[in-house]
Amino acid sequence: MKELKNWFLKNIDIKLISLFLAIILWLYIAGGENPTVENFIDVPLAQTNLGEGLVIKEFPTNVSVGIKGPKNIINNLSSHQINGIVNFSEISKEGLYKLKVEVAPPEKTQITRIIPSEIKIEIEKVLTKEVEVEYSLIGVPEKGYSLTDEPQFNPSRVKIIGAQSVLENIKQIICTIDISELKENLSRKIKVKAVDVNGNEIKGVKIEPDIVEVLISLNRGYPEKQLSVKPKIIGKPAPGYYISEILSSPPKFVYPFRLLS
C-alpha cells in the first residue's frame, strides 16, 4: 500500500498536467465531432391574446430565424418545432401598430436573429351585417317543367361577420342551386358564400348560418303572365290637335315564360 502511495505522489505535478491535457484533448475531439453551428430556418408565425371584437387585416405567415447550437440538434430541427409569436395583449382598439416577434429557442440552442424582428399590423373592428340570401341557378328543369315561383330560403337572411374592409368588398351572399333536369319539387340544404362584384368568393368572413334550406316548386308546362299593352307614341299631332285617348285591342295579352332567374 505504501509503495502505491509513493508511486502516486512521485512526479505528481507531471501526472496532473498530463491528466489536464488529456481532458483538453478529449474536449477538442468531442467538439470537432459535434461543433456549435448556426443556421437560418423559416418558422410559422402565430398571434395570441387578440382582444374580442378586433381582427387583423393582414398577418405574415412566417419569419426567418437564426438559431445556434450543437450541430446534431440544429441539423435535425424542423420548422414545426419552433414558433414565432406576436402578442396583442396590450392592443385594445383598432389602428396601426408595430409589434415585436418573440421566438422561444429549443433546449440547448439560442436564437441569434429574427427577420423581421418587428412587424407592422393593422387592427380593425369586427362588424356584423344582416343581408338577404340571393341565388344563382345552374341548368334548366326537365323538358315540360318550369319553376312555379322563385326559390324560397329558410332563413331568408343571414349575418355576415368580419373586418370592415372585407365586408365592403362583398356584393352579395349567394346560394348556387343546380336545377339541371329537375322534375320534382326540391328541398335541400345548401351552403352559401360571399362573393364580390366579379362573382369571386371572398374568404375571411363568417356567415351565420352558412347553410340554408332551399325550397323549389315545379309546375308542368310553363306559367303564363298577363302583360298590358302600352303603345309607344312617336312624333306629335299637327298644330291645333292633341291626343285625347289611346286604345289598344286587346288591351292585354298572355305571355308564357320559364322562370329561370
C-alpha atoms as a PDB file:
ATOM      1  CA  MET A   1       0.000   0.000   0.000  1.00  0.00           C
ATOM      2  CA  LYS A   2       2.915   2.278   0.877  1.00  0.00           C
ATOM      3  CA  GLU A   3       4.522   1.564  -2.486  1.00  0.00           C
ATOM      4  CA  LEU A   4       1.295   2.524  -4.337  1.00  0.00           C
ATOM      5  CA  LYS A   5       1.128   5.784  -2.395  1.00  0.00           C
ATOM      6  CA  ASN A   6       4.740   6.579  -3.165  1.00  0.00           C
ATOM      7  CA  TRP A   7       4.146   5.864  -6.861  1.00  0.00           C
ATOM      8  CA  PHE A   8       1.120   8.154  -6.939  1.00  0.00           C
ATOM      9  CA  LEU A   9       2.963  11.013  -5.224  1.00  0.00           C
ATOM     10  CA  LYS A  10       6.084  10.622  -7.317  1.00  0.00           C
ATOM     11  CA  ASN A  11       6.150  13.282 -10.056  1.00  0.00           C
ATOM     12  CA  ILE A  12       2.595  14.333  -9.085  1.00  0.00           C
ATOM     13  CA  ASP A  13       2.880  17.647 -10.931  1.00  0.00           C
ATOM     14  CA  ILE A  14       3.682  15.900 -14.205  1.00  0.00           C
ATOM     15  CA  LYS A  15       0.818  13.463 -13.758  1.00  0.00           C
ATOM     16  CA  LEU A  16      -1.703  16.268 -13.061  1.00  0.00           C
ATOM     17  CA  ILE A  17      -0.544  18.176 -16.140  1.00  0.00           C
ATOM     18  CA  SER A  18      -0.906  15.025 -18.241  1.00  0.00           C
ATOM     19  CA  LEU A  19      -4.451  14.459 -16.928  1.00  0.00           C
ATOM     20  CA  PHE A  20      -5.387  18.068 -17.682  1.00  0.00           C
ATOM     21  CA  LEU A  21      -4.002  17.820 -21.213  1.00  0.00           C
ATOM     22  CA  ALA A  22      -5.892  14.561 -21.768  1.00  0.00           C
ATOM     23  CA  ILE A  23      -9.154  16.228 -20.738  1.00  0.00           C
ATOM     24  CA  ILE A  24      -8.493  19.186 -23.056  1.00  0.00           C
ATOM     25  CA  LEU A  25      -7.703  16.777 -25.911  1.00  0.00           C
ATOM     26  CA  TRP A  26     -10.920  14.825 -25.305  1.00  0.00           C
ATOM     27  CA  LEU A  27     -12.994  18.005 -25.278  1.00  0.00           C
ATOM     28  CA  TYR A  28     -11.323  19.149 -28.508  1.00  0.00           C
ATOM     29  CA  ILE A  29     -12.054  15.845 -30.240  1.00  0.00           C
ATOM     30  CA  ALA A  30     -15.638  15.764 -28.950  1.00  0.00           C
ATOM     31  CA  GLY A  31     -16.175  19.348 -30.063  1.00  0.00           C
ATOM     32  CA  GLY A  32     -14.831  18.539 -33.500  1.00  0.00           C
ATOM     33  CA  GLU A  33     -17.356  15.729 -33.875  1.00  0.00           C
ATOM     34  CA  ASN A  34     -20.328  17.894 -32.762  1.00  0.00           C
ATOM     35  CA  PRO A  35     -19.319  21.562 -33.138  1.00  0.00           C
ATOM     36  CA  THR A  36     -21.557  24.569 -32.473  1.00  0.00           C
ATOM     37  CA  VAL A  37     -23.183  25.771 -35.707  1.00  0.00           C
ATOM     38  CA  GLU A  38     -25.652  28.428 -36.735  1.00  0.00           C
ATOM     39  CA  ASN A  39     -28.439  28.089 -39.290  1.00  0.00           C
ATOM     40  CA  PHE A  40     -31.455  30.054 -40.543  1.00  0.00           C
ATOM     41  CA  ILE A  41     -34.893  28.479 -40.700  1.00  0.00           C
ATOM     42  CA  ASP A  42     -38.342  29.788 -41.722  1.00  0.00           C
ATOM     43  CA  VAL A  43     -40.819  29.248 -38.895  1.00  0.00           C
ATOM     44  CA  PRO A  44     -44.609  29.804 -38.768  1.00  0.00           C
ATOM     45  CA  LEU A  45     -45.882  32.993 -37.149  1.00  0.00           C
ATOM     46  CA  ALA A  46     -48.867  32.946 -34.804  1.00  0.00           C
ATOM     47  CA  GLN A  47     -50.783  35.553 -32.819  1.00  0.00           C
ATOM     48  CA  THR A  48     -52.016  35.450 -29.257  1.00  0.00           C
ATOM     49  CA  ASN A  49     -54.221  37.494 -26.886  1.00  0.00           C
ATOM     50  CA  LEU A  50     -56.094  39.420 -29.588  1.00  0.00           C
ATOM     51  CA  GLY A  51     -58.998  41.247 -27.944  1.00  0.00           C
ATOM     52  CA  GLU A  52     -62.614  40.307 -28.632  1.00  0.00           C
ATOM     53  CA  GLY A  53     -64.212  42.390 -31.348  1.00  0.00           C
ATOM     54  CA  LEU A  54     -60.897  43.031 -33.115  1.00  0.00           C
ATOM     55  CA  VAL A  55     -59.449  41.430 -36.226  1.00  0.00           C
ATOM     56  CA  ILE A  56     -56.080  41.556 -38.002  1.00  0.00           C
ATOM     57  CA  LYS A  57     -56.297  42.924 -41.531  1.00  0.00           C
ATOM     58  CA  GLU A  58     -53.156  41.162 -42.797  1.00  0.00           C
ATOM     59  CA  PHE A  59     -50.811  38.853 -40.916  1.00  0.00           C
ATOM     60  CA  PRO A  60     -47.478  37.371 -42.141  1.00  0.00           C
ATOM     61  CA  THR A  61     -47.333  33.594 -42.313  1.00  0.00           C
ATOM     62  CA  ASN A  62     -43.707  33.140 -41.227  1.00  0.00           C
ATOM     63  CA  VAL A  63     -40.429  34.757 -40.185  1.00  0.00           C
ATOM     64  CA  SER A  64     -36.801  33.760 -40.687  1.00  0.00           C
ATOM     65  CA  VAL A  65     -34.939  32.789 -37.510  1.00  0.00           C
ATOM     66  CA  GLY A  66     -31.200  32.435 -36.926  1.00  0.00           C
ATOM     67  CA  ILE A  67     -30.575  29.643 -34.421  1.00  0.00           C
ATOM     68  CA  LYS A  68     -27.309  28.479 -32.866  1.00  0.00           C
ATOM     69  CA  GLY A  69     -26.466  25.239 -31.085  1.00  0.00           C
ATOM     70  CA  PRO A  70     -24.816  21.805 -31.339  1.00  0.00           C
ATOM     71  CA  LYS A  71     -24.613  20.546 -34.914  1.00  0.00           C
ATOM     72  CA  ASN A  72     -26.584  17.356 -34.254  1.00  0.00           C
ATOM     73  CA  ILE A  73     -29.503  19.376 -32.794  1.00  0.00           C
ATOM     74  CA  ILE A  74     -29.502  22.141 -35.406  1.00  0.00           C
ATOM     75  CA  ASN A  75     -29.369  19.703 -38.330  1.00  0.00           C
ATOM     76  CA  ASN A  76     -32.404  17.827 -37.023  1.00  0.00           C
ATOM     77  CA  LEU A  77     -34.578  20.875 -36.355  1.00  0.00           C
ATOM     78  CA  SER A  78     -37.720  21.370 -38.448  1.00  0.00           C
ATOM     79  CA  SER A  79     -39.915  24.461 -38.796  1.00  0.00           C
ATOM     80  CA  HIS A  80     -42.823  22.975 -36.811  1.00  0.00           C
ATOM     81  CA  GLN A  81     -40.609  22.665 -33.698  1.00  0.00           C
ATOM     82  CA  ILE A  82     -40.277  26.459 -33.386  1.00  0.00           C
ATOM     83  CA  ASN A  83     -42.979  29.138 -33.405  1.00  0.00           C
ATOM     84  CA  GLY A  84     -42.845  32.880 -33.800  1.00  0.00           C
ATOM     85  CA  ILE A  85     -45.381  34.636 -31.569  1.00  0.00           C
ATOM     86  CA  VAL A  86     -46.879  38.129 -31.752  1.00  0.00           C
ATOM     87  CA  ASN A  87     -48.589  39.170 -28.511  1.00  0.00           C
ATOM     88  CA  PHE A  88     -51.590  41.514 -28.819  1.00  0.00           C
ATOM     89  CA  SER A  89     -52.376  41.721 -25.091  1.00  0.00           C
ATOM     90  CA  GLU A  90     -51.713  45.490 -24.954  1.00  0.00           C
ATOM     91  CA  ILE A  91     -53.887  46.297 -28.014  1.00  0.00           C
ATOM     92  CA  SER A  92     -57.424  47.414 -27.139  1.00  0.00           C
ATOM     93  CA  LYS A  93     -58.639  49.309 -30.228  1.00  0.00           C
ATOM     94  CA  GLU A  94     -58.285  49.494 -33.991  1.00  0.00           C
ATOM     95  CA  GLY A  95     -55.231  51.172 -35.513  1.00  0.00           C
ATOM     96  CA  LEU A  96     -51.764  50.621 -36.987  1.00  0.00           C
ATOM     97  CA  TYR A  97     -49.182  49.068 -34.656  1.00  0.00           C
ATOM     98  CA  LYS A  98     -45.567  47.869 -34.717  1.00  0.00           C
ATOM     99  CA  LEU A  99     -45.196  44.723 -32.612  1.00  0.00           C
ATOM    100  CA  LYS A 100     -42.237  42.579 -31.587  1.00  0.00           C
ATOM    101  CA  VAL A 101     -41.842  38.990 -32.782  1.00  0.00           C
ATOM    102  CA  GLU A 102     -40.932  36.569 -29.999  1.00  0.00           C
ATOM    103  CA  VAL A 103     -39.344  33.151 -30.562  1.00  0.00           C
ATOM    104  CA  ALA A 104     -38.594  30.605 -27.823  1.00  0.00           C
ATOM    105  CA  PRO A 105     -35.467  28.539 -28.659  1.00  0.00           C
ATOM    106  CA  PRO A 106     -35.460  24.739 -28.276  1.00  0.00           C
ATOM    107  CA  GLU A 107     -33.367  23.254 -25.455  1.00  0.00           C
ATOM    108  CA  LYS A 108     -29.570  23.702 -25.776  1.00  0.00           C
ATOM    109  CA  THR A 109     -29.966  26.300 -28.549  1.00  0.00           C
ATOM    110  CA  GLN A 110     -30.190  30.075 -28.720  1.00  0.00           C
ATOM    111  CA  ILE A 111     -31.882  32.488 -31.114  1.00  0.00           C
ATOM    112  CA  THR A 112     -29.335  34.808 -32.730  1.00  0.00           C
ATOM    113  CA  ARG A 113     -31.568  36.757 -35.089  1.00  0.00           C
ATOM    114  CA  ILE A 114     -35.218  37.198 -36.114  1.00  0.00           C
ATOM    115  CA  ILE A 115     -36.040  38.619 -39.566  1.00  0.00           C
ATOM    116  CA  PRO A 116     -38.118  40.731 -39.273  1.00  0.00           C
ATOM    117  CA  SER A 117     -37.866  41.294 -35.519  1.00  0.00           C
ATOM    118  CA  GLU A 118     -40.914  43.619 -35.636  1.00  0.00           C
ATOM    119  CA  ILE A 119     -43.946  43.667 -37.917  1.00  0.00           C
ATOM    120  CA  LYS A 120     -46.472  46.357 -38.792  1.00  0.00           C
ATOM    121  CA  ILE A 121     -50.033  45.219 -38.147  1.00  0.00           C
ATOM    122  CA  GLU A 122     -53.334  46.956 -38.900  1.00  0.00           C
ATOM    123  CA  ILE A 123     -56.128  46.140 -36.467  1.00  0.00           C
ATOM    124  CA  GLU A 124     -59.771  46.578 -37.457  1.00  0.00           C
ATOM    125  CA  LYS A 125     -63.066  46.262 -35.645  1.00  0.00           C
ATOM    126  CA  VAL A 126     -65.226  43.224 -36.282  1.00  0.00           C
ATOM    127  CA  LEU A 127     -68.545  44.291 -37.816  1.00  0.00           C
ATOM    128  CA  THR A 128     -71.814  42.386 -38.186  1.00  0.00           C
ATOM    129  CA  LYS A 129     -74.264  42.919 -41.028  1.00  0.00           C
ATOM    130  CA  GLU A 130     -77.542  41.183 -41.902  1.00  0.00           C
ATOM    131  CA  VAL A 131     -78.201  40.579 -45.595  1.00  0.00           C
ATOM    132  CA  GLU A 132     -80.724  38.843 -47.865  1.00  0.00           C
ATOM    133  CA  VAL A 133     -79.782  35.497 -49.375  1.00  0.00           C
ATOM    134  CA  GLU A 134     -79.700  35.641 -53.186  1.00  0.00           C
ATOM    135  CA  TYR A 135     -79.391  32.796 -55.643  1.00  0.00           C
ATOM    136  CA  SER A 136     -77.832  31.627 -58.865  1.00  0.00           C
ATOM    137  CA  LEU A 137     -79.395  28.805 -60.906  1.00  0.00           C
ATOM    138  CA  ILE A 138     -77.416  26.248 -62.862  1.00  0.00           C
ATOM    139  CA  GLY A 139     -79.088  24.406 -65.738  1.00  0.00           C
ATOM    140  CA  VAL A 140     -82.794  24.105 -66.578  1.00  0.00           C
ATOM    141  CA  PRO A 141     -85.517  21.711 -65.377  1.00  0.00           C
ATOM    142  CA  GLU A 142     -86.597  18.619 -67.289  1.00  0.00           C
ATOM    143  CA  LYS A 143     -88.365  19.475 -70.554  1.00  0.00           C
ATOM    144  CA  GLY A 144     -92.002  20.314 -69.884  1.00  0.00           C
ATOM    145  CA  TYR A 145     -91.338  21.598 -66.349  1.00  0.00           C
ATOM    146  CA  SER A 146     -90.808  25.088 -65.019  1.00  0.00           C
ATOM    147  CA  LEU A 147     -90.405  26.844 -61.685  1.00  0.00           C
ATOM    148  CA  THR A 148     -93.695  27.866 -60.075  1.00  0.00           C
ATOM    149  CA  ASP A 149     -92.017  30.744 -58.271  1.00  0.00           C
ATOM    150  CA  GLU A 150     -88.603  31.944 -57.179  1.00  0.00           C
ATOM    151  CA  PRO A 151     -86.641  29.702 -54.777  1.00  0.00           C
ATOM    152  CA  GLN A 152     -87.524  30.139 -51.107  1.00  0.00           C
ATOM    153  CA  PHE A 153     -84.900  30.121 -48.350  1.00  0.00           C
ATOM    154  CA  ASN A 154     -85.041  29.304 -44.663  1.00  0.00           C
ATOM    155  CA  PRO A 155     -83.692  31.500 -43.232  1.00  0.00           C
ATOM    156  CA  SER A 156     -84.006  34.155 -45.929  1.00  0.00           C
ATOM    157  CA  ARG A 157     -81.470  36.453 -44.228  1.00  0.00           C
ATOM    158  CA  VAL A 158     -78.062  35.663 -42.729  1.00  0.00           C
ATOM    159  CA  LYS A 159     -75.451  37.528 -40.700  1.00  0.00           C
ATOM    160  CA  ILE A 160     -72.001  38.246 -42.089  1.00  0.00           C
ATOM    161  CA  ILE A 161     -69.217  38.920 -39.592  1.00  0.00           C
ATOM    162  CA  GLY A 162     -65.779  40.250 -40.468  1.00  0.00           C
ATOM    163  CA  ALA A 163     -63.434  43.197 -40.795  1.00  0.00           C
ATOM    164  CA  GLN A 164     -64.892  46.347 -42.296  1.00  0.00           C
ATOM    165  CA  SER A 165     -62.506  46.229 -45.263  1.00  0.00           C
ATOM    166  CA  VAL A 166     -63.681  42.681 -46.064  1.00  0.00           C
ATOM    167  CA  LEU A 167     -67.389  43.450 -45.710  1.00  0.00           C
ATOM    168  CA  GLU A 168     -67.064  46.421 -48.061  1.00  0.00           C
ATOM    169  CA  ASN A 169     -65.965  44.063 -50.870  1.00  0.00           C
ATOM    170  CA  ILE A 170     -68.987  41.772 -50.532  1.00  0.00           C
ATOM    171  CA  LYS A 171     -71.610  42.295 -53.227  1.00  0.00           C
ATOM    172  CA  GLN A 172     -73.981  39.515 -52.162  1.00  0.00           C
ATOM    173  CA  ILE A 173     -74.442  36.330 -50.201  1.00  0.00           C
ATOM    174  CA  ILE A 174     -75.307  33.789 -52.818  1.00  0.00           C
ATOM    175  CA  CYS A 175     -76.695  30.260 -52.892  1.00  0.00           C
ATOM    176  CA  THR A 176     -75.873  28.284 -56.047  1.00  0.00           C
ATOM    177  CA  ILE A 177     -78.661  25.851 -56.968  1.00  0.00           C
ATOM    178  CA  ASP A 178     -78.351  23.154 -59.618  1.00  0.00           C
ATOM    179  CA  ILE A 179     -81.770  22.543 -61.221  1.00  0.00           C
ATOM    180  CA  SER A 180     -80.487  20.577 -64.222  1.00  0.00           C
ATOM    181  CA  GLU A 181     -83.161  18.099 -65.402  1.00  0.00           C
ATOM    182  CA  LEU A 182     -85.193  18.710 -62.253  1.00  0.00           C
ATOM    183  CA  LYS A 183     -88.694  17.199 -62.490  1.00  0.00           C
ATOM    184  CA  GLU A 184     -89.979  17.317 -58.930  1.00  0.00           C
ATOM    185  CA  ASN A 185     -90.093  19.774 -56.055  1.00  0.00           C
ATOM    186  CA  LEU A 186     -86.743  20.333 -54.402  1.00  0.00           C
ATOM    187  CA  SER A 187     -85.949  20.621 -50.698  1.00  0.00           C
ATOM    188  CA  ARG A 188     -82.251  20.708 -49.954  1.00  0.00           C
ATOM    189  CA  LYS A 189     -79.725  22.274 -47.578  1.00  0.00           C
ATOM    190  CA  ILE A 190     -77.089  24.251 -49.474  1.00  0.00           C
ATOM    191  CA  LYS A 191     -74.027  26.187 -48.304  1.00  0.00           C
ATOM    192  CA  VAL A 192     -73.998  29.910 -49.075  1.00  0.00           C
ATOM    193  CA  LYS A 193     -70.944  32.026 -49.836  1.00  0.00           C
ATOM    194  CA  ALA A 194     -69.919  35.659 -50.006  1.00  0.00           C
ATOM    195  CA  VAL A 195     -68.883  36.960 -53.452  1.00  0.00           C
ATOM    196  CA  ASP A 196     -67.542  40.214 -54.869  1.00  0.00           C
ATOM    197  CA  VAL A 197     -68.738  42.161 -57.940  1.00  0.00           C
ATOM    198  CA  ASN A 198     -66.923  39.689 -60.211  1.00  0.00           C
ATOM    199  CA  GLY A 199     -68.511  36.642 -58.602  1.00  0.00           C
ATOM    200  CA  ASN A 200     -65.286  35.603 -56.857  1.00  0.00           C
ATOM    201  CA  GLU A 201     -65.676  34.073 -53.408  1.00  0.00           C
ATOM    202  CA  ILE A 202     -64.464  36.252 -50.537  1.00  0.00           C
ATOM    203  CA  LYS A 203     -62.621  34.471 -47.739  1.00  0.00           C
ATOM    204  CA  GLY A 204     -62.055  35.728 -44.214  1.00  0.00           C
ATOM    205  CA  VAL A 205     -65.702  36.355 -43.431  1.00  0.00           C
ATOM    206  CA  LYS A 206     -68.003  34.377 -41.146  1.00  0.00           C
ATOM    207  CA  ILE A 207     -71.576  33.660 -42.245  1.00  0.00           C
ATOM    208  CA  GLU A 208     -74.227  32.671 -39.705  1.00  0.00           C
ATOM    209  CA  PRO A 209     -75.790  30.360 -40.644  1.00  0.00           C
ATOM    210  CA  ASP A 210     -73.689  29.338 -43.640  1.00  0.00           C
ATOM    211  CA  ILE A 211     -76.155  26.608 -44.674  1.00  0.00           C
ATOM    212  CA  VAL A 212     -79.762  27.390 -45.610  1.00  0.00           C
ATOM    213  CA  GLU A 213     -82.723  25.225 -46.585  1.00  0.00           C
ATOM    214  CA  VAL A 214     -83.749  25.740 -50.223  1.00  0.00           C
ATOM    215  CA  LEU A 215     -87.314  25.067 -51.401  1.00  0.00           C
ATOM    216  CA  ILE A 216     -88.182  24.953 -55.113  1.00  0.00           C
ATOM    217  CA  SER A 217     -91.639  24.192 -56.508  1.00  0.00           C
ATOM    218  CA  LEU A 218     -92.135  22.912 -60.053  1.00  0.00           C
ATOM    219  CA  ASN A 219     -95.042  23.092 -62.492  1.00  0.00           C
ATOM    220  CA  ARG A 220     -95.870  21.022 -65.527  1.00  0.00           C
ATOM    221  CA  GLY A 221     -95.859  23.302 -68.526  1.00  0.00           C
ATOM    222  CA  TYR A 222     -94.915  26.949 -68.351  1.00  0.00           C
ATOM    223  CA  PRO A 223     -96.582  29.667 -66.262  1.00  0.00           C
ATOM    224  CA  GLU A 224     -98.435  32.449 -68.019  1.00  0.00           C
ATOM    225  CA  LYS A 225     -98.375  36.118 -67.252  1.00  0.00           C
ATOM    226  CA  GLN A 226    -100.708  38.890 -68.380  1.00  0.00           C
ATOM    227  CA  LEU A 227     -98.918  41.905 -69.810  1.00  0.00           C
ATOM    228  CA  SER A 228    -100.574  45.233 -70.521  1.00  0.00           C
ATOM    229  CA  VAL A 229    -100.206  46.742 -73.989  1.00  0.00           C
ATOM    230  CA  LYS A 230     -98.556  50.142 -73.736  1.00  0.00           C
ATOM    231  CA  PRO A 231     -98.310  51.852 -77.141  1.00  0.00           C
ATOM    232  CA  LYS A 232     -95.225  53.944 -77.739  1.00  0.00           C
ATOM    233  CA  ILE A 233     -96.022  57.343 -79.307  1.00  0.00           C
ATOM    234  CA  ILE A 234     -93.562  58.617 -81.899  1.00  0.00           C
ATOM    235  CA  GLY A 235     -93.817  62.225 -83.025  1.00  0.00           C
ATOM    236  CA  LYS A 236     -96.722  64.598 -82.257  1.00  0.00           C
ATOM    237  CA  PRO A 237    -100.048  65.652 -83.877  1.00  0.00           C
ATOM    238  CA  ALA A 238    -100.347  68.557 -86.321  1.00  0.00           C
ATOM    239  CA  PRO A 239    -100.669  72.041 -84.835  1.00  0.00           C
ATOM    240  CA  GLY A 240    -104.081  72.580 -83.272  1.00  0.00           C
ATOM    241  CA  TYR A 241    -104.619  68.861 -82.500  1.00  0.00           C
ATOM    242  CA  TYR A 242    -103.931  66.783 -79.372  1.00  0.00           C
ATOM    243  CA  ILE A 243    -104.334  63.162 -78.278  1.00  0.00           C
ATOM    244  CA  SER A 244    -107.402  62.737 -76.070  1.00  0.00           C
ATOM    245  CA  GLU A 245    -107.301  58.938 -75.669  1.00  0.00           C
ATOM    246  CA  ILE A 246    -105.299  55.861 -76.743  1.00  0.00           C
ATOM    247  CA  LEU A 247    -106.993  52.462 -77.017  1.00  0.00           C
ATOM    248  CA  SER A 248    -105.482  49.076 -77.873  1.00  0.00           C
ATOM    249  CA  SER A 249    -107.289  45.905 -78.847  1.00  0.00           C
ATOM    250  CA  PRO A 250    -106.822  43.676 -76.984  1.00  0.00           C
ATOM    251  CA  PRO A 251    -105.666  45.776 -74.007  1.00  0.00           C
ATOM    252  CA  LYS A 252    -103.687  42.812 -72.573  1.00  0.00           C
ATOM    253  CA  PHE A 253    -102.133  39.601 -73.807  1.00  0.00           C
ATOM    254  CA  VAL A 254    -100.931  36.389 -72.130  1.00  0.00           C
ATOM    255  CA  TYR A 255     -97.196  35.601 -72.346  1.00  0.00           C
ATOM    256  CA  PRO A 256     -95.847  32.110 -71.465  1.00  0.00           C
ATOM    257  CA  PHE A 257     -92.391  32.091 -69.888  1.00  0.00           C
ATOM    258  CA  ARG A 258     -89.950  29.916 -67.964  1.00  0.00           C
ATOM    259  CA  LEU A 259     -88.777  31.306 -64.637  1.00  0.00           C
ATOM    260  CA  LEU A 260     -85.041  30.701 -64.576  1.00  0.00           C
ATOM    261  CA  SER A 261     -83.540  33.530 -62.600  1.00  0.00           C
END
